[in-house]
Amino acid sequence: MKIVILILAMMSGMGASIKKSADDMKKIKAHHELNEYKSYPNLLPEVEIVAPSK
């Protein structure tokens, strides 16, 4: 019974570490994509007009 509990604890720990590393990779990828835009000097932010016209 102790071996089963030990295996379950190891698998849940491994799953948590894999999930955390996947989340970290997503954050790094987004940060890297934003850093690529710094090389373009003439990019302006896109503005969406949401006010109703009169």
PDB file of N, CA and C in Angstrom:
ATOM      1  N   MET A   1       0.830  -1.192   0.000  1.00  0.00           N
ATOM      2  CA  MET A   1       0.000   0.000   0.000  1.00  0.00           C
ATOM      3  C   MET A   1       0.874   1.256   0.000  1.00  0.00           C
ATOM      4  N   LYS A   2       1.996   1.211   0.715  1.00  0.00           N
ATOM      5  CA  LYS A   2       2.879   2.362   0.756  1.00  0.00           C
ATOM      6  C   LYS A   2       3.478   2.637  -0.608  1.00  0.00           C
ATOM      7  N   ILE A   3       3.752   1.585  -1.359  1.00  0.00           N
ATOM      8  CA  ILE A   3       4.327   1.759  -2.696  1.00  0.00           C
ATOM      9  C   ILE A   3       3.327   2.444  -3.621  1.00  0.00           C
ATOM     10  N   VAL A   4       2.071   2.089  -3.519  1.00  0.00           N
ATOM     11  CA  VAL A   4       1.029   2.701  -4.354  1.00  0.00           C
ATOM     12  C   VAL A   4       0.913   4.188  -4.044  1.00  0.00           C
ATOM     13  N   ILE A   5       0.926   4.524  -2.765  1.00  0.00           N
ATOM     14  CA  ILE A   5       0.837   5.935  -2.362  1.00  0.00           C
ATOM     15  C   ILE A   5       2.071   6.691  -2.840  1.00  0.00           C
ATOM     16  N   LEU A   6       3.232   6.059  -2.743  1.00  0.00           N
ATOM     17  CA  LEU A   6       4.466   6.693  -3.200  1.00  0.00           C
ATOM     18  C   LEU A   6       4.434   6.933  -4.707  1.00  0.00           C
ATOM     19  N   ILE A   7       3.958   5.964  -5.462  1.00  0.00           N
ATOM     20  CA  ILE A   7       3.871   6.118  -6.923  1.00  0.00           C
ATOM     21  C   ILE A   7       2.882   7.222  -7.279  1.00  0.00           C
ATOM     22  N   LEU A   8       1.740   7.274  -6.601  1.00  0.00           N
ATOM     23  CA  LEU A   8       0.759   8.331  -6.881  1.00  0.00           C
ATOM     24  C   LEU A   8       1.324   9.709  -6.548  1.00  0.00           C
ATOM     25  N   ALA A   9       2.060   9.807  -5.459  1.00  0.00           N
ATOM     26  CA  ALA A   9       2.659  11.093  -5.087  1.00  0.00           C
ATOM     27  C   ALA A   9       3.705  11.518  -6.113  1.00  0.00           C
ATOM     28  N   MET A  10       4.502  10.567  -6.575  1.00  0.00           N
ATOM     29  CA  MET A  10       5.516  10.890  -7.586  1.00  0.00           C
ATOM     30  C   MET A  10       4.870  11.326  -8.900  1.00  0.00           C
ATOM     31  N   MET A  11       3.808  10.632  -9.297  1.00  0.00           N
ATOM     32  CA  MET A  11       3.142  10.984 -10.561  1.00  0.00           C
ATOM     33  C   MET A  11       2.457  12.344 -10.468  1.00  0.00           C
ATOM     34  N   SER A  12       1.842  12.645  -9.332  1.00  0.00           N
ATOM     35  CA  SER A  12       1.190  13.954  -9.196  1.00  0.00           C
ATOM     36  C   SER A  12       2.235  15.062  -9.154  1.00  0.00           C
ATOM     37  N   GLY A  13       3.369  14.816  -8.506  1.00  0.00           N
ATOM     38  CA  GLY A  13       4.449  15.808  -8.507  1.00  0.00           C
ATOM     39  C   GLY A  13       5.012  16.035  -9.888  1.00  0.00           C
ATOM     40  N   MET A  14       5.174  14.956 -10.648  1.00  0.00           N
ATOM     41  CA  MET A  14       5.680  15.087 -12.013  1.00  0.00           C
ATOM     42  C   MET A  14       4.685  15.837 -12.893  1.00  0.00           C
ATOM     43  N   GLY A  15       3.402  15.548 -12.715  1.00  0.00           N
ATOM     44  CA  GLY A  15       2.375  16.243 -13.485  1.00  0.00           C
ATOM     45  C   GLY A  15       2.340  17.730 -13.180  1.00  0.00           C
ATOM     46  N   ALA A  16       2.512  18.068 -11.925  1.00  0.00           N
ATOM     47  CA  ALA A  16       2.515  19.481 -11.538  1.00  0.00           C
ATOM     48  C   ALA A  16       3.725  20.203 -12.117  1.00  0.00           C
ATOM     49  N   SER A  17       4.873  19.547 -12.121  1.00  0.00           N
ATOM     50  CA  SER A  17       6.069  20.199 -12.667  1.00  0.00           C
ATOM     51  C   SER A  17       5.961  20.357 -14.180  1.00  0.00           C
ATOM     52  N   ILE A  18       5.365  19.390 -14.862  1.00  0.00           N
ATOM     53  CA  ILE A  18       5.179  19.505 -16.314  1.00  0.00           C
ATOM     54  C   ILE A  18       4.208  20.637 -16.624  1.00  0.00           C
ATOM     55  N   LYS A  19       3.128  20.747 -15.838  1.00  0.00           N
ATOM     56  CA  LYS A  19       2.153  21.819 -16.058  1.00  0.00           C
ATOM     57  C   LYS A  19       2.791  23.183 -15.826  1.00  0.00           C
ATOM     58  N   LYS A  20       3.606  23.315 -14.780  1.00  0.00           N
ATOM     59  CA  LYS A  20       4.258  24.588 -14.496  1.00  0.00           C
ATOM     60  C   LYS A  20       5.237  24.956 -15.600  1.00  0.00           C
ATOM     61  N   SER A  21       5.994  23.992 -16.091  1.00  0.00           N
ATOM     62  CA  SER A  21       6.944  24.303 -17.153  1.00  0.00           C
ATOM     63  C   SER A  21       6.219  24.673 -18.446  1.00  0.00           C
ATOM     64  N   ALA A  22       5.056  24.082 -18.711  1.00  0.00           N
ATOM     65  CA  ALA A  22       4.276  24.458 -19.887  1.00  0.00           C
ATOM     66  C   ALA A  22       3.761  25.893 -19.753  1.00  0.00           C
ATOM     67  N   ASP A  23       3.305  26.261 -18.571  1.00  0.00           N
ATOM     68  CA  ASP A  23       2.849  27.637 -18.340  1.00  0.00           C
ATOM     69  C   ASP A  23       4.001  28.626 -18.479  1.00  0.00           C
ATOM     70  N   ASP A  24       5.169  28.249 -17.968  1.00  0.00           N
ATOM     71  CA  ASP A  24       6.344  29.113 -18.094  1.00  0.00           C
ATOM     72  C   ASP A  24       6.739  29.293 -19.552  1.00  0.00           C
ATOM     73  N   MET A  25       6.648  28.243 -20.336  1.00  0.00           N
ATOM     74  CA  MET A  25       6.990  28.338 -21.758  1.00  0.00           C
ATOM     75  C   MET A  25       6.028  29.273 -22.488  1.00  0.00           C
ATOM     76  N   LYS A  26       4.748  29.249 -22.125  1.00  0.00           N
ATOM     77  CA  LYS A  26       3.781  30.156 -22.742  1.00  0.00           C
ATOM     78  C   LYS A  26       4.122  31.608 -22.423  1.00  0.00           C
ATOM     79  N   LYS A  27       4.493  31.873 -21.154  1.00  0.00           N
ATOM     80  CA  LYS A  27       4.850  33.235 -20.758  1.00  0.00           C
ATOM     81  C   LYS A  27       6.107  33.703 -21.471  1.00  0.00           C
ATOM     82  N   ILE A  28       7.094  32.822 -21.590  1.00  0.00           N
ATOM     83  CA  ILE A  28       8.345  33.180 -22.263  1.00  0.00           C
ATOM     84  C   ILE A  28       8.092  33.449 -23.741  1.00  0.00           C
ATOM     85  N   LYS A  29       7.241  32.640 -24.357  1.00  0.00           N
ATOM     86  CA  LYS A  29       6.925  32.824 -25.778  1.00  0.00           C
ATOM     87  C   LYS A  29       6.230  34.170 -26.009  1.00  0.00           C
ATOM     88  N   ALA A  30       5.285  34.527 -25.144  1.00  0.00           N
ATOM     89  CA  ALA A  30       4.583  35.808 -25.283  1.00  0.00           C
ATOM     90  C   ALA A  30       5.551  36.967 -25.063  1.00  0.00           C
ATOM     91  N   HIS A  31       6.431  36.836 -24.082  1.00  0.00           N
ATOM     92  CA  HIS A  31       7.407  37.896 -23.805  1.00  0.00           C
ATOM     93  C   HIS A  31       8.372  38.055 -24.980  1.00  0.00           C
ATOM     94  N   HIS A  32       8.786  36.947 -25.561  1.00  0.00           N
ATOM     95  CA  HIS A  32       9.699  36.990 -26.693  1.00  0.00           C
ATOM     96  C   HIS A  32       9.033  37.649 -27.909  1.00  0.00           C
ATOM     97  N   GLU A  33       7.742  37.350 -28.117  1.00  0.00           N
ATOM     98  CA  GLU A  33       7.018  37.950 -29.244  1.00  0.00           C
ATOM     99  C   GLU A  33       6.897  39.466 -29.067  1.00  0.00           C
ATOM    100  N   LEU A  34       6.656  39.922 -27.845  1.00  0.00           N
ATOM    101  CA  LEU A  34       6.570  41.357 -27.598  1.00  0.00           C
ATOM    102  C   LEU A  34       7.920  42.033 -27.806  1.00  0.00           C
ATOM    103  N   ASN A  35       9.004  41.357 -27.446  1.00  0.00           N
ATOM    104  CA  ASN A  35      10.332  41.926 -27.639  1.00  0.00           C
ATOM    105  C   ASN A  35      10.685  42.045 -29.115  1.00  0.00           C
ATOM    106  N   GLU A  36      10.131  41.185 -29.961  1.00  0.00           N
ATOM    107  CA  GLU A  36      10.394  41.276 -31.402  1.00  0.00           C
ATOM    108  C   GLU A  36       9.829  42.563 -31.991  1.00  0.00           C
ATOM    109  N   TYR A  37       8.730  43.052 -31.438  1.00  0.00           N
ATOM    110  CA  TYR A  37       8.106  44.261 -31.976  1.00  0.00           C
ATOM    111  C   TYR A  37       8.911  45.520 -31.662  1.00  0.00           C
ATOM    112  N   LYS A  38       9.843  45.446 -30.728  1.00  0.00           N
ATOM    113  CA  LYS A  38      10.648  46.620 -30.401  1.00  0.00           C
ATOM    114  C   LYS A  38      11.574  47.014 -31.540  1.00  0.00           C
ATOM    115  N   SER A  39      11.845  46.098 -32.459  1.00  0.00           N
ATOM    116  CA  SER A  39      12.733  46.415 -33.583  1.00  0.00           C
ATOM    117  C   SER A  39      12.001  47.190 -34.682  1.00  0.00           C
ATOM    118  N   TYR A  40      10.677  47.265 -34.630  1.00  0.00           N
ATOM    119  CA  TYR A  40       9.908  48.027 -35.609  1.00  0.00           C
ATOM    120  C   TYR A  40       9.625  49.415 -35.043  1.00  0.00           C
ATOM    121  N   PRO A  41      10.269  50.468 -35.558  1.00  0.00           N
ATOM    122  CA  PRO A  41      10.129  51.787 -34.933  1.00  0.00           C
ATOM    123  C   PRO A  41       8.808  52.493 -35.223  1.00  0.00           C
ATOM    124  N   ASN A  42       8.117  52.148 -36.305  1.00  0.00           N
ATOM    125  CA  ASN A  42       6.955  52.941 -36.703  1.00  0.00           C
ATOM    126  C   ASN A  42       5.620  52.249 -36.449  1.00  0.00           C
ATOM    127  N   LEU A  43       5.580  51.308 -35.542  1.00  0.00           N
ATOM    128  CA  LEU A  43       4.314  50.654 -35.246  1.00  0.00           C
ATOM    129  C   LEU A  43       3.517  51.493 -34.256  1.00  0.00           C
ATOM    130  N   LEU A  44       2.284  51.757 -34.596  1.00  0.00           N
ATOM    131  CA  LEU A  44       1.384  52.474 -33.697  1.00  0.00           C
ATOM    132  C   LEU A  44       0.345  51.490 -33.172  1.00  0.00           C
ATOM    133  N   PRO A  45      -0.140  51.691 -31.973  1.00  0.00           N
ATOM    134  CA  PRO A  45      -1.160  50.777 -31.453  1.00  0.00           C
ATOM    135  C   PRO A  45      -2.468  50.932 -32.221  1.00  0.00           C
ATOM    136  N   GLU A  46      -3.159  49.851 -32.388  1.00  0.00           N
ATOM    137  CA  GLU A  46      -4.441  49.880 -33.075  1.00  0.00           C
ATOM    138  C   GLU A  46      -5.508  50.371 -32.106  1.00  0.00           C
ATOM    139  N   VAL A  47      -6.323  51.319 -32.547  1.00  0.00           N
ATOM    140  CA  VAL A  47      -7.352  51.900 -31.689  1.00  0.00           C
ATOM    141  C   VAL A  47      -8.712  51.539 -32.269  1.00  0.00           C
ATOM    142  N   GLU A  48      -9.556  50.983 -31.441  1.00  0.00           N
ATOM    143  CA  GLU A  48     -10.899  50.634 -31.877  1.00  0.00           C
ATOM    144  C   GLU A  48     -11.855  51.668 -31.292  1.00  0.00           C
ATOM    145  N   ILE A  49     -12.673  52.279 -32.151  1.00  0.00           N
ATOM    146  CA  ILE A  49     -13.641  53.286 -31.714  1.00  0.00           C
ATOM    147  C   ILE A  49     -14.914  52.561 -31.310  1.00  0.00           C
ATOM    148  N   VAL A  50     -15.313  52.720 -30.064  1.00  0.00           N
ATOM    149  CA  VAL A  50     -16.490  52.003 -29.567  1.00  0.00           C
ATOM    150  C   VAL A  50     -17.631  52.949 -29.225  1.00  0.00           C
ATOM    151  N   ALA A  51     -17.420  54.252 -29.334  1.00  0.00           N
ATOM    152  CA  ALA A  51     -18.480  55.211 -29.007  1.00  0.00           C
ATOM    153  C   ALA A  51     -19.501  55.259 -30.146  1.00  0.00           C
ATOM    154  N   PRO A  52     -20.759  55.400 -29.814  1.00  0.00           N
ATOM    155  CA  PRO A  52     -21.787  55.478 -30.873  1.00  0.00           C
ATOM    156  C   PRO A  52     -21.675  56.814 -31.613  1.00  0.00           C
ATOM    157  N   SER A  53     -21.939  56.765 -32.902  1.00  0.00           N
ATOM    158  CA  SER A  53     -21.908  58.003 -33.702  1.00  0.00           C
ATOM    159  C   SER A  53     -23.209  58.754 -33.510  1.00  0.00           C
ATOM    160  N   LYS A  54     -23.139  60.095 -33.569  1.00  0.00           N
ATOM    161  CA  LYS A  54     -24.338  60.917 -33.350  1.00  0.00           C
ATOM    162  C   LYS A  54     -25.004  61.249 -34.649  1.00  0.00           C
TER     163      LYS A  54
END
